[in-house]
């Protein structure tokens, strides 16, 4: 069973570290996806990043975070096995591969692929999984030889009260912020040159 304190910390990082960067990125035309890397030992923040597709279409939130992570001096960069990877949205096929190739044994995400499609009007994750890999939604192996993925929402649903209700309220507040950013992105996306906007 997941510890409520871990979920609190992940939501803190999303709200305080990723969300402000994402708000600035959305103003520049980027999508609203972000990621962070924490140390497992104390859940301290190693770094947070956001989508930077306006610079390079490959700089999804997770990939951009990994790029910045590997730009850190090796002697101050923790081993990926000693880290928690958190993504605001369930990683797409590109990001799943990047997380795998960089050696993380876990990741947590708040919004699902279906949320990206339905709530944020960004359907590419599910469409690519279906068209390229012939996978239906949820069809990738979420617990495999490389890593175990965790839906923050599902982890919260498994908690006992009063933590469940308290954390669901926190998620709702964070979700509102992302809904607002999504509206900004949707209004301006026609003006950018991201291939899959």
N, C-alpha and C. Protein backbone atom coordinates (compact mmCIF):
# COMPACT_ATOMS: atom_id res chain seq x y z
N UNK A 1 0.85 -1.19 0.00
CA UNK A 1 0.00 0.00 0.00
C UNK A 1 0.89 1.24 0.00
N UNK A 2 0.52 2.20 -0.80
CA UNK A 2 1.28 3.45 -0.89
C UNK A 2 1.06 4.30 0.34
N UNK A 3 2.11 4.91 0.78
CA UNK A 3 2.08 5.81 1.92
C UNK A 3 1.48 7.15 1.48
N UNK A 4 0.52 7.66 2.23
CA UNK A 4 -0.10 8.94 1.90
C UNK A 4 0.94 10.06 1.87
N UNK A 5 1.98 9.95 2.68
CA UNK A 5 2.99 11.01 2.70
C UNK A 5 3.74 11.08 1.37
N UNK A 6 3.94 9.94 0.71
CA UNK A 6 4.56 9.95 -0.61
C UNK A 6 3.68 10.69 -1.61
N UNK A 7 2.39 10.40 -1.60
CA UNK A 7 1.47 11.07 -2.52
C UNK A 7 1.43 12.56 -2.23
N UNK A 8 1.39 12.93 -0.95
CA UNK A 8 1.43 14.36 -0.60
C UNK A 8 2.66 15.02 -1.21
N UNK A 9 3.81 14.36 -1.08
CA UNK A 9 5.05 14.93 -1.61
C UNK A 9 5.00 15.05 -3.13
N UNK A 10 4.51 14.02 -3.81
CA UNK A 10 4.41 14.07 -5.27
C UNK A 10 3.49 15.21 -5.72
N UNK A 11 2.39 15.39 -5.03
CA UNK A 11 1.48 16.49 -5.37
C UNK A 11 2.11 17.84 -5.06
N UNK A 12 2.88 17.93 -3.98
CA UNK A 12 3.62 19.16 -3.69
C UNK A 12 4.56 19.51 -4.84
N UNK A 13 5.30 18.52 -5.31
CA UNK A 13 6.25 18.76 -6.40
C UNK A 13 5.53 19.18 -7.67
N UNK A 14 4.43 18.52 -7.98
CA UNK A 14 3.67 18.90 -9.17
C UNK A 14 3.18 20.35 -9.04
N UNK A 15 2.61 20.67 -7.89
CA UNK A 15 2.03 22.01 -7.70
C UNK A 15 3.09 23.11 -7.59
N UNK A 16 4.13 22.87 -6.81
CA UNK A 16 5.09 23.94 -6.50
C UNK A 16 6.27 24.03 -7.45
N UNK A 17 6.65 22.89 -8.04
CA UNK A 17 7.86 22.88 -8.85
C UNK A 17 7.57 22.75 -10.35
N UNK A 18 6.70 21.82 -10.71
CA UNK A 18 6.43 21.60 -12.13
C UNK A 18 5.43 22.62 -12.68
N UNK A 19 4.33 22.82 -11.99
CA UNK A 19 3.24 23.66 -12.50
C UNK A 19 3.68 25.08 -12.84
N UNK A 20 4.47 25.77 -12.01
CA UNK A 20 4.90 27.12 -12.41
C UNK A 20 5.74 27.13 -13.69
N UNK A 21 6.60 26.13 -13.85
CA UNK A 21 7.41 26.04 -15.07
C UNK A 21 6.51 25.76 -16.28
N UNK A 22 5.52 24.91 -16.07
CA UNK A 22 4.60 24.57 -17.15
C UNK A 22 3.76 25.77 -17.55
N UNK A 23 3.32 26.55 -16.58
CA UNK A 23 2.55 27.76 -16.90
C UNK A 23 3.37 28.69 -17.79
N UNK A 24 4.64 28.87 -17.47
CA UNK A 24 5.51 29.71 -18.30
C UNK A 24 5.70 29.09 -19.68
N UNK A 25 5.85 27.76 -19.73
CA UNK A 25 6.02 27.08 -21.01
C UNK A 25 4.80 27.17 -21.90
N UNK A 26 3.63 27.04 -21.31
CA UNK A 26 2.38 27.13 -22.09
C UNK A 26 2.25 28.53 -22.70
N UNK A 27 2.68 29.55 -21.98
CA UNK A 27 2.65 30.92 -22.52
C UNK A 27 3.51 31.05 -23.77
N UNK A 28 4.51 30.19 -23.90
CA UNK A 28 5.39 30.21 -25.08
C UNK A 28 4.89 29.28 -26.18
N UNK A 29 3.79 28.55 -25.93
CA UNK A 29 3.21 27.67 -26.93
C UNK A 29 3.44 26.18 -26.70
N UNK A 30 4.11 25.83 -25.61
CA UNK A 30 4.38 24.42 -25.31
C UNK A 30 3.17 23.73 -24.71
N UNK A 31 3.14 22.40 -24.82
CA UNK A 31 2.09 21.62 -24.18
C UNK A 31 2.27 21.63 -22.66
N UNK A 32 1.29 21.10 -21.95
CA UNK A 32 1.26 21.23 -20.50
C UNK A 32 1.78 20.01 -19.75
N UNK A 33 2.72 19.29 -20.32
CA UNK A 33 3.27 18.11 -19.67
C UNK A 33 4.57 18.46 -18.96
N UNK A 34 4.78 17.88 -17.78
CA UNK A 34 6.01 18.13 -17.04
C UNK A 34 6.44 16.90 -16.27
N UNK A 35 7.62 16.99 -15.68
CA UNK A 35 8.16 15.86 -14.92
C UNK A 35 9.15 16.35 -13.88
N UNK A 36 9.43 15.48 -12.93
CA UNK A 36 10.43 15.78 -11.90
C UNK A 36 11.11 14.48 -11.48
N UNK A 37 12.29 14.65 -10.93
CA UNK A 37 13.06 13.53 -10.40
C UNK A 37 13.36 13.83 -8.94
N UNK A 38 13.07 12.86 -8.08
CA UNK A 38 13.29 13.00 -6.64
C UNK A 38 14.22 11.90 -6.16
N UNK A 39 14.92 12.15 -5.07
CA UNK A 39 15.72 11.10 -4.44
C UNK A 39 14.79 10.20 -3.64
N UNK A 40 14.94 8.90 -3.77
CA UNK A 40 14.13 7.96 -3.00
C UNK A 40 14.38 8.11 -1.50
N UNK A 41 15.61 8.40 -1.13
CA UNK A 41 15.99 8.40 0.29
C UNK A 41 15.23 9.42 1.12
N UNK A 42 15.01 10.61 0.58
CA UNK A 42 14.36 11.66 1.37
C UNK A 42 13.30 12.44 0.58
N UNK A 43 13.06 12.01 -0.66
CA UNK A 43 12.09 12.65 -1.57
C UNK A 43 12.44 14.12 -1.87
N UNK A 44 13.71 14.46 -1.72
CA UNK A 44 14.14 15.80 -2.08
C UNK A 44 14.17 15.92 -3.61
N UNK A 45 13.94 17.12 -4.08
CA UNK A 45 13.88 17.37 -5.51
C UNK A 45 15.28 17.40 -6.10
N UNK A 46 15.48 16.61 -7.14
CA UNK A 46 16.72 16.67 -7.91
C UNK A 46 16.55 17.73 -8.99
N UNK A 47 15.45 17.65 -9.73
CA UNK A 47 15.11 18.68 -10.72
C UNK A 47 13.68 18.51 -11.17
N UNK A 48 13.14 19.58 -11.71
CA UNK A 48 11.82 19.58 -12.32
C UNK A 48 11.97 20.23 -13.70
N UNK A 49 11.16 19.80 -14.62
CA UNK A 49 11.17 20.37 -15.97
C UNK A 49 9.78 20.32 -16.55
N UNK A 50 9.66 20.92 -17.72
CA UNK A 50 8.39 20.95 -18.41
C UNK A 50 8.62 20.76 -19.90
N UNK A 51 7.55 20.60 -20.62
CA UNK A 51 7.60 20.42 -22.07
C UNK A 51 8.29 21.62 -22.71
N UNK A 52 9.14 21.35 -23.68
CA UNK A 52 9.83 22.42 -24.40
C UNK A 52 9.82 22.11 -25.90
N UNK A 53 8.67 21.71 -26.41
CA UNK A 53 8.54 21.33 -27.81
C UNK A 53 8.74 22.49 -28.77
N UNK A 54 8.60 23.70 -28.31
CA UNK A 54 8.84 24.85 -29.20
C UNK A 54 10.32 24.91 -29.60
N UNK A 55 11.19 24.42 -28.74
CA UNK A 55 12.62 24.34 -29.08
C UNK A 55 12.91 23.11 -29.92
N UNK A 56 12.30 21.98 -29.53
CA UNK A 56 12.55 20.71 -30.21
C UNK A 56 11.35 19.80 -29.93
N UNK A 57 10.72 19.24 -30.97
CA UNK A 57 9.53 18.41 -30.75
C UNK A 57 9.78 17.18 -29.88
N UNK A 58 11.04 16.82 -29.68
CA UNK A 58 11.35 15.68 -28.82
C UNK A 58 11.40 16.05 -27.35
N UNK A 59 11.40 17.34 -27.03
CA UNK A 59 11.53 17.75 -25.63
C UNK A 59 10.18 17.70 -24.91
N UNK A 60 9.60 16.51 -24.89
CA UNK A 60 8.42 16.28 -24.05
C UNK A 60 8.85 16.53 -22.60
N UNK A 61 7.90 16.71 -21.71
CA UNK A 61 8.24 17.02 -20.32
C UNK A 61 9.21 16.03 -19.71
N UNK A 62 8.94 14.74 -19.92
CA UNK A 62 9.79 13.71 -19.34
C UNK A 62 11.17 13.69 -20.00
N UNK A 63 11.20 13.75 -21.33
CA UNK A 63 12.47 13.71 -22.04
C UNK A 63 13.31 14.95 -21.73
N UNK A 64 12.65 16.10 -21.63
CA UNK A 64 13.38 17.32 -21.29
C UNK A 64 13.96 17.23 -19.89
N UNK A 65 13.21 16.63 -18.96
CA UNK A 65 13.73 16.42 -17.60
C UNK A 65 14.94 15.49 -17.64
N UNK A 66 14.86 14.44 -18.44
CA UNK A 66 15.98 13.50 -18.54
C UNK A 66 17.19 14.16 -19.19
N UNK A 67 16.95 15.00 -20.18
CA UNK A 67 18.05 15.74 -20.81
C UNK A 67 18.77 16.59 -19.77
N UNK A 68 18.00 17.34 -18.99
CA UNK A 68 18.58 18.19 -17.95
C UNK A 68 19.28 17.36 -16.87
N UNK A 69 18.70 16.22 -16.54
CA UNK A 69 19.28 15.32 -15.54
C UNK A 69 20.68 14.88 -15.97
N UNK A 70 20.81 14.47 -17.24
CA UNK A 70 22.10 14.00 -17.72
C UNK A 70 23.06 15.13 -18.06
N UNK A 71 22.60 16.35 -18.02
CA UNK A 71 23.50 17.51 -18.13
C UNK A 71 24.13 17.86 -16.78
N UNK A 72 23.59 17.30 -15.70
CA UNK A 72 24.17 17.52 -14.38
C UNK A 72 25.55 16.86 -14.31
N UNK A 73 26.47 17.43 -13.54
CA UNK A 73 27.77 16.76 -13.37
C UNK A 73 27.56 15.37 -12.79
N UNK A 74 28.27 14.41 -13.35
CA UNK A 74 28.09 13.02 -12.94
C UNK A 74 28.28 12.82 -11.44
N UNK A 75 29.21 13.54 -10.84
CA UNK A 75 29.49 13.35 -9.41
C UNK A 75 28.39 13.91 -8.51
N UNK A 76 27.48 14.72 -9.06
CA UNK A 76 26.38 15.24 -8.25
C UNK A 76 25.02 14.70 -8.70
N UNK A 77 25.04 13.81 -9.70
CA UNK A 77 23.80 13.24 -10.22
C UNK A 77 23.56 11.89 -9.57
N UNK A 78 22.43 11.71 -8.88
CA UNK A 78 22.17 10.41 -8.26
C UNK A 78 21.94 9.33 -9.31
N UNK A 79 22.14 8.09 -8.92
CA UNK A 79 21.85 6.97 -9.79
C UNK A 79 20.34 6.88 -9.98
N UNK A 80 19.91 6.56 -11.19
CA UNK A 80 18.48 6.50 -11.47
C UNK A 80 17.75 5.48 -10.59
N UNK A 81 18.43 4.42 -10.19
CA UNK A 81 17.82 3.41 -9.32
C UNK A 81 17.53 3.97 -7.92
N UNK A 82 18.15 5.10 -7.61
CA UNK A 82 17.94 5.75 -6.31
C UNK A 82 16.95 6.90 -6.40
N UNK A 83 16.21 6.96 -7.51
CA UNK A 83 15.31 8.10 -7.74
C UNK A 83 13.87 7.66 -7.99
N UNK A 84 12.99 8.59 -7.74
CA UNK A 84 11.57 8.47 -8.09
C UNK A 84 11.35 9.40 -9.27
N UNK A 85 10.72 8.90 -10.31
CA UNK A 85 10.39 9.72 -11.47
C UNK A 85 8.90 10.02 -11.42
N UNK A 86 8.56 11.30 -11.51
CA UNK A 86 7.14 11.68 -11.49
C UNK A 86 6.82 12.49 -12.74
N UNK A 87 5.72 12.11 -13.39
CA UNK A 87 5.25 12.80 -14.59
C UNK A 87 3.86 13.33 -14.32
N UNK A 88 3.58 14.50 -14.83
CA UNK A 88 2.24 15.04 -14.63
C UNK A 88 1.22 14.20 -15.39
N UNK A 89 1.62 13.69 -16.57
CA UNK A 89 0.72 12.92 -17.42
C UNK A 89 1.37 11.57 -17.72
N UNK A 90 0.56 10.57 -17.90
CA UNK A 90 1.06 9.24 -18.21
C UNK A 90 1.99 9.33 -19.43
N UNK A 91 3.20 8.84 -19.31
CA UNK A 91 4.17 9.01 -20.39
C UNK A 91 3.73 8.36 -21.70
N UNK A 92 4.00 9.08 -22.80
CA UNK A 92 3.73 8.55 -24.13
C UNK A 92 4.78 7.51 -24.49
N UNK A 93 4.70 6.95 -25.68
CA UNK A 93 5.64 5.90 -26.08
C UNK A 93 7.08 6.42 -26.13
N UNK A 94 7.29 7.64 -26.57
CA UNK A 94 8.63 8.24 -26.58
C UNK A 94 9.17 8.32 -25.16
N UNK A 95 8.36 8.81 -24.25
CA UNK A 95 8.80 9.01 -22.87
C UNK A 95 8.93 7.69 -22.12
N UNK A 96 8.05 6.73 -22.40
CA UNK A 96 8.21 5.40 -21.81
C UNK A 96 9.57 4.82 -22.19
N UNK A 97 9.93 4.96 -23.45
CA UNK A 97 11.22 4.46 -23.91
C UNK A 97 12.38 5.20 -23.25
N UNK A 98 12.26 6.52 -23.14
CA UNK A 98 13.33 7.31 -22.53
C UNK A 98 13.53 6.94 -21.06
N UNK A 99 12.44 6.76 -20.34
CA UNK A 99 12.52 6.35 -18.94
C UNK A 99 13.20 4.98 -18.84
N UNK A 100 12.86 4.09 -19.76
CA UNK A 100 13.46 2.76 -19.77
C UNK A 100 14.95 2.83 -20.07
N UNK A 101 15.31 3.53 -21.13
CA UNK A 101 16.72 3.61 -21.55
C UNK A 101 17.60 4.28 -20.50
N UNK A 102 17.03 5.13 -19.67
CA UNK A 102 17.85 5.84 -18.67
C UNK A 102 17.91 5.09 -17.34
N UNK A 103 17.21 3.98 -17.21
CA UNK A 103 17.40 3.09 -16.07
C UNK A 103 16.54 3.34 -14.85
N UNK A 104 15.51 4.16 -14.97
CA UNK A 104 14.61 4.34 -13.82
C UNK A 104 13.81 3.06 -13.62
N UNK A 105 13.60 2.68 -12.36
CA UNK A 105 12.84 1.46 -12.09
C UNK A 105 11.40 1.75 -11.69
N UNK A 106 11.00 3.01 -11.80
CA UNK A 106 9.64 3.40 -11.41
C UNK A 106 9.27 4.71 -12.07
N UNK A 107 7.98 4.97 -12.16
CA UNK A 107 7.48 6.32 -12.39
C UNK A 107 6.05 6.41 -11.87
N UNK A 108 5.69 7.62 -11.48
CA UNK A 108 4.34 7.96 -11.02
C UNK A 108 3.79 9.01 -11.97
N UNK A 109 2.49 8.95 -12.22
CA UNK A 109 1.86 9.97 -13.07
C UNK A 109 0.48 10.31 -12.50
N UNK A 110 0.06 11.56 -12.77
CA UNK A 110 -1.23 12.03 -12.26
C UNK A 110 -2.36 11.82 -13.26
N UNK A 111 -2.18 12.30 -14.48
CA UNK A 111 -3.23 12.23 -15.50
C UNK A 111 -2.95 11.08 -16.46
N UNK A 112 -3.99 10.33 -16.82
CA UNK A 112 -3.85 9.17 -17.69
C UNK A 112 -3.81 9.58 -19.17
N UNK A 113 -3.48 8.62 -20.03
CA UNK A 113 -3.56 8.85 -21.47
C UNK A 113 -4.97 9.30 -21.87
N UNK A 114 -5.97 8.67 -21.25
CA UNK A 114 -7.35 9.05 -21.57
C UNK A 114 -7.63 10.49 -21.14
N UNK A 115 -7.06 10.91 -20.01
CA UNK A 115 -7.21 12.31 -19.59
C UNK A 115 -6.58 13.23 -20.62
N UNK A 116 -5.40 12.86 -21.12
CA UNK A 116 -4.74 13.70 -22.13
C UNK A 116 -5.64 13.85 -23.35
N UNK A 117 -6.25 12.76 -23.76
CA UNK A 117 -7.14 12.80 -24.92
C UNK A 117 -8.44 13.54 -24.62
N UNK A 118 -9.10 13.16 -23.54
CA UNK A 118 -10.46 13.64 -23.29
C UNK A 118 -10.52 14.99 -22.58
N UNK A 119 -9.71 15.18 -21.56
CA UNK A 119 -9.77 16.42 -20.78
C UNK A 119 -8.90 17.52 -21.36
N UNK A 120 -7.80 17.12 -22.02
CA UNK A 120 -6.84 18.12 -22.50
C UNK A 120 -6.78 18.19 -24.02
N UNK A 121 -7.61 17.43 -24.71
CA UNK A 121 -7.71 17.45 -26.18
C UNK A 121 -6.36 17.25 -26.86
N UNK A 122 -5.55 16.36 -26.29
CA UNK A 122 -4.26 15.98 -26.89
C UNK A 122 -4.29 14.46 -27.04
N UNK A 123 -4.77 13.96 -28.19
CA UNK A 123 -5.02 12.54 -28.36
C UNK A 123 -3.84 11.71 -28.85
N UNK A 124 -2.69 12.35 -29.05
CA UNK A 124 -1.59 11.69 -29.75
C UNK A 124 -1.04 10.46 -29.04
N UNK A 125 -0.99 10.48 -27.71
CA UNK A 125 -0.43 9.33 -26.98
C UNK A 125 -1.17 8.05 -27.34
N UNK A 126 -2.49 8.08 -27.23
CA UNK A 126 -3.28 6.87 -27.51
C UNK A 126 -3.27 6.53 -28.99
N UNK A 127 -3.29 7.55 -29.84
CA UNK A 127 -3.30 7.29 -31.28
C UNK A 127 -1.98 6.65 -31.73
N UNK A 128 -0.85 7.13 -31.22
CA UNK A 128 0.45 6.54 -31.57
C UNK A 128 0.54 5.11 -31.04
N UNK A 129 0.12 4.89 -29.80
CA UNK A 129 0.15 3.53 -29.26
C UNK A 129 -0.66 2.58 -30.14
N UNK A 130 -1.80 3.04 -30.64
CA UNK A 130 -2.66 2.19 -31.47
C UNK A 130 -2.10 2.03 -32.88
N UNK A 131 -1.73 3.14 -33.53
CA UNK A 131 -1.31 3.10 -34.93
C UNK A 131 0.08 2.48 -35.11
N UNK A 132 0.99 2.78 -34.22
CA UNK A 132 2.37 2.30 -34.38
C UNK A 132 2.59 0.96 -33.69
N UNK A 133 2.04 0.81 -32.49
CA UNK A 133 2.31 -0.38 -31.70
C UNK A 133 1.12 -1.33 -31.59
N UNK A 134 -0.01 -0.97 -32.19
CA UNK A 134 -1.27 -1.74 -32.16
C UNK A 134 -1.72 -2.06 -30.73
N UNK A 135 -1.51 -1.12 -29.83
CA UNK A 135 -1.93 -1.29 -28.43
C UNK A 135 -3.18 -0.48 -28.14
N UNK A 136 -4.12 -1.10 -27.48
CA UNK A 136 -5.30 -0.39 -27.02
C UNK A 136 -4.93 0.41 -25.77
N UNK A 137 -5.79 1.37 -25.37
CA UNK A 137 -5.49 2.13 -24.14
C UNK A 137 -5.17 1.20 -22.98
N UNK A 138 -4.09 1.53 -22.28
CA UNK A 138 -3.68 0.71 -21.15
C UNK A 138 -2.99 -0.58 -21.56
N UNK A 139 -2.67 -0.74 -22.85
CA UNK A 139 -2.14 -2.00 -23.34
C UNK A 139 -0.67 -2.24 -23.11
N UNK A 140 0.06 -1.22 -22.70
CA UNK A 140 1.48 -1.48 -22.42
C UNK A 140 1.60 -2.13 -21.04
N UNK A 141 2.71 -2.81 -20.81
CA UNK A 141 2.93 -3.55 -19.57
C UNK A 141 3.39 -2.59 -18.48
N UNK A 142 2.53 -2.26 -17.56
CA UNK A 142 2.80 -1.25 -16.53
C UNK A 142 3.70 -1.75 -15.41
N UNK A 143 3.95 -3.05 -15.36
CA UNK A 143 4.84 -3.64 -14.37
C UNK A 143 5.68 -4.66 -15.12
N UNK A 144 6.93 -4.31 -15.41
CA UNK A 144 7.74 -5.14 -16.28
C UNK A 144 9.16 -5.29 -15.73
N UNK A 145 10.04 -5.89 -16.49
CA UNK A 145 11.41 -6.14 -16.03
C UNK A 145 12.21 -4.86 -15.83
N UNK A 146 11.75 -3.76 -16.41
CA UNK A 146 12.49 -2.49 -16.32
C UNK A 146 11.96 -1.58 -15.22
N UNK A 147 10.64 -1.41 -15.15
CA UNK A 147 10.07 -0.48 -14.20
C UNK A 147 8.64 -0.87 -13.84
N UNK A 148 8.17 -0.22 -12.79
CA UNK A 148 6.77 -0.34 -12.37
C UNK A 148 6.18 1.06 -12.41
N UNK A 149 5.05 1.20 -13.08
CA UNK A 149 4.40 2.50 -13.14
C UNK A 149 3.28 2.57 -12.10
N UNK A 150 2.99 3.78 -11.67
CA UNK A 150 1.98 4.00 -10.63
C UNK A 150 1.09 5.17 -11.02
N UNK A 151 -0.18 4.93 -11.12
CA UNK A 151 -1.14 6.01 -11.29
C UNK A 151 -1.39 6.63 -9.91
N UNK A 152 -1.10 7.90 -9.77
CA UNK A 152 -1.32 8.56 -8.48
C UNK A 152 -2.79 8.46 -8.09
N UNK A 153 -3.68 8.63 -9.03
CA UNK A 153 -5.11 8.55 -8.72
C UNK A 153 -5.50 7.17 -8.20
N UNK A 154 -4.99 6.12 -8.85
CA UNK A 154 -5.31 4.76 -8.38
C UNK A 154 -4.68 4.49 -7.01
N UNK A 155 -3.49 5.01 -6.80
CA UNK A 155 -2.85 4.84 -5.48
C UNK A 155 -3.69 5.51 -4.40
N UNK A 156 -4.23 6.68 -4.70
CA UNK A 156 -5.07 7.40 -3.74
C UNK A 156 -6.36 6.63 -3.48
N UNK A 157 -6.96 6.08 -4.52
CA UNK A 157 -8.20 5.31 -4.34
C UNK A 157 -8.01 4.12 -3.40
N UNK A 158 -6.79 3.59 -3.34
CA UNK A 158 -6.51 2.44 -2.49
C UNK A 158 -6.24 2.81 -1.03
N UNK A 159 -6.13 4.10 -0.74
CA UNK A 159 -5.84 4.55 0.63
C UNK A 159 -7.09 4.51 1.50
N UNK A 160 -6.88 4.38 2.78
CA UNK A 160 -7.99 4.45 3.74
C UNK A 160 -8.37 5.90 3.99
N UNK A 161 -9.55 6.09 4.51
CA UNK A 161 -9.99 7.42 4.93
C UNK A 161 -9.26 7.80 6.21
N UNK A 162 -9.05 9.05 6.49
CA UNK A 162 -9.46 10.23 5.73
C UNK A 162 -8.49 10.64 4.64
N UNK A 163 -7.36 9.90 4.51
CA UNK A 163 -6.36 10.28 3.51
C UNK A 163 -6.92 10.28 2.10
N UNK A 164 -7.76 9.28 1.78
CA UNK A 164 -8.29 9.20 0.43
C UNK A 164 -9.03 10.48 0.03
N UNK A 165 -9.98 10.91 0.84
CA UNK A 165 -10.77 12.09 0.52
C UNK A 165 -9.91 13.35 0.50
N UNK A 166 -9.00 13.46 1.46
CA UNK A 166 -8.12 14.63 1.52
C UNK A 166 -7.26 14.73 0.26
N UNK A 167 -6.68 13.62 -0.16
CA UNK A 167 -5.81 13.64 -1.33
C UNK A 167 -6.61 13.80 -2.63
N UNK A 168 -7.81 13.26 -2.67
CA UNK A 168 -8.66 13.49 -3.84
C UNK A 168 -8.99 14.97 -3.99
N UNK A 169 -9.17 15.67 -2.88
CA UNK A 169 -9.41 17.12 -2.93
C UNK A 169 -8.17 17.84 -3.44
N UNK A 170 -7.00 17.41 -3.03
CA UNK A 170 -5.75 18.02 -3.52
C UNK A 170 -5.61 17.80 -5.02
N UNK A 171 -5.92 16.59 -5.47
CA UNK A 171 -5.84 16.29 -6.90
C UNK A 171 -6.82 17.16 -7.69
N UNK A 172 -8.03 17.34 -7.16
CA UNK A 172 -9.02 18.17 -7.83
C UNK A 172 -8.51 19.61 -7.99
N UNK A 173 -7.85 20.13 -6.97
CA UNK A 173 -7.32 21.50 -7.04
C UNK A 173 -6.22 21.60 -8.09
N UNK A 174 -5.32 20.62 -8.11
CA UNK A 174 -4.25 20.62 -9.11
C UNK A 174 -4.85 20.45 -10.51
N UNK A 175 -5.85 19.60 -10.63
CA UNK A 175 -6.51 19.38 -11.92
C UNK A 175 -7.12 20.66 -12.46
N UNK A 176 -7.69 21.46 -11.60
CA UNK A 176 -8.26 22.74 -12.02
C UNK A 176 -7.19 23.63 -12.64
N UNK A 177 -6.01 23.66 -12.03
CA UNK A 177 -4.91 24.46 -12.59
C UNK A 177 -4.53 23.96 -13.97
N UNK A 178 -4.49 22.64 -14.14
CA UNK A 178 -4.17 22.08 -15.46
C UNK A 178 -5.28 22.32 -16.47
N UNK A 179 -6.53 22.30 -16.03
CA UNK A 179 -7.63 22.64 -16.94
C UNK A 179 -7.47 24.06 -17.45
N UNK A 180 -7.10 24.98 -16.57
CA UNK A 180 -6.90 26.37 -16.97
C UNK A 180 -5.75 26.49 -17.97
N UNK A 181 -4.64 25.79 -17.72
CA UNK A 181 -3.51 25.81 -18.66
C UNK A 181 -3.88 25.19 -19.99
N UNK A 182 -4.68 24.15 -19.95
CA UNK A 182 -5.12 23.50 -21.18
C UNK A 182 -5.90 24.47 -22.06
N UNK A 183 -6.76 25.26 -21.44
CA UNK A 183 -7.54 26.24 -22.21
C UNK A 183 -6.61 27.24 -22.90
N UNK A 184 -5.58 27.67 -22.21
CA UNK A 184 -4.61 28.61 -22.80
C UNK A 184 -3.90 27.93 -23.97
N UNK A 185 -3.44 26.72 -23.76
CA UNK A 185 -2.74 26.00 -24.83
C UNK A 185 -3.64 25.80 -26.04
N UNK A 186 -4.87 25.35 -25.82
CA UNK A 186 -5.78 25.09 -26.93
C UNK A 186 -6.08 26.35 -27.75
N UNK A 187 -6.17 27.50 -27.06
CA UNK A 187 -6.45 28.76 -27.76
C UNK A 187 -5.28 29.20 -28.64
N UNK A 188 -4.06 28.82 -28.28
CA UNK A 188 -2.89 29.33 -29.00
C UNK A 188 -2.17 28.30 -29.86
N UNK A 189 -2.56 27.03 -29.80
CA UNK A 189 -1.76 25.99 -30.45
C UNK A 189 -1.68 26.13 -31.97
N UNK A 190 -2.66 26.73 -32.60
CA UNK A 190 -2.61 26.90 -34.05
C UNK A 190 -1.48 27.83 -34.49
N UNK A 191 -1.00 28.64 -33.55
CA UNK A 191 0.05 29.60 -33.87
C UNK A 191 1.45 29.01 -33.77
N UNK A 192 1.59 27.81 -33.22
CA UNK A 192 2.93 27.24 -33.10
C UNK A 192 3.19 26.24 -34.21
N UNK A 193 4.44 25.76 -34.29
CA UNK A 193 4.79 24.83 -35.35
C UNK A 193 5.17 23.45 -34.82
N UNK A 194 4.62 23.07 -33.67
CA UNK A 194 4.83 21.73 -33.15
C UNK A 194 4.13 20.75 -34.10
N UNK A 195 4.83 19.73 -34.60
CA UNK A 195 4.21 18.83 -35.59
C UNK A 195 2.90 18.20 -35.14
N UNK A 196 2.83 17.71 -33.91
CA UNK A 196 1.60 17.10 -33.41
C UNK A 196 1.05 17.97 -32.28
N UNK A 197 0.36 19.03 -32.65
CA UNK A 197 -0.18 19.90 -31.61
C UNK A 197 -1.62 19.54 -31.33
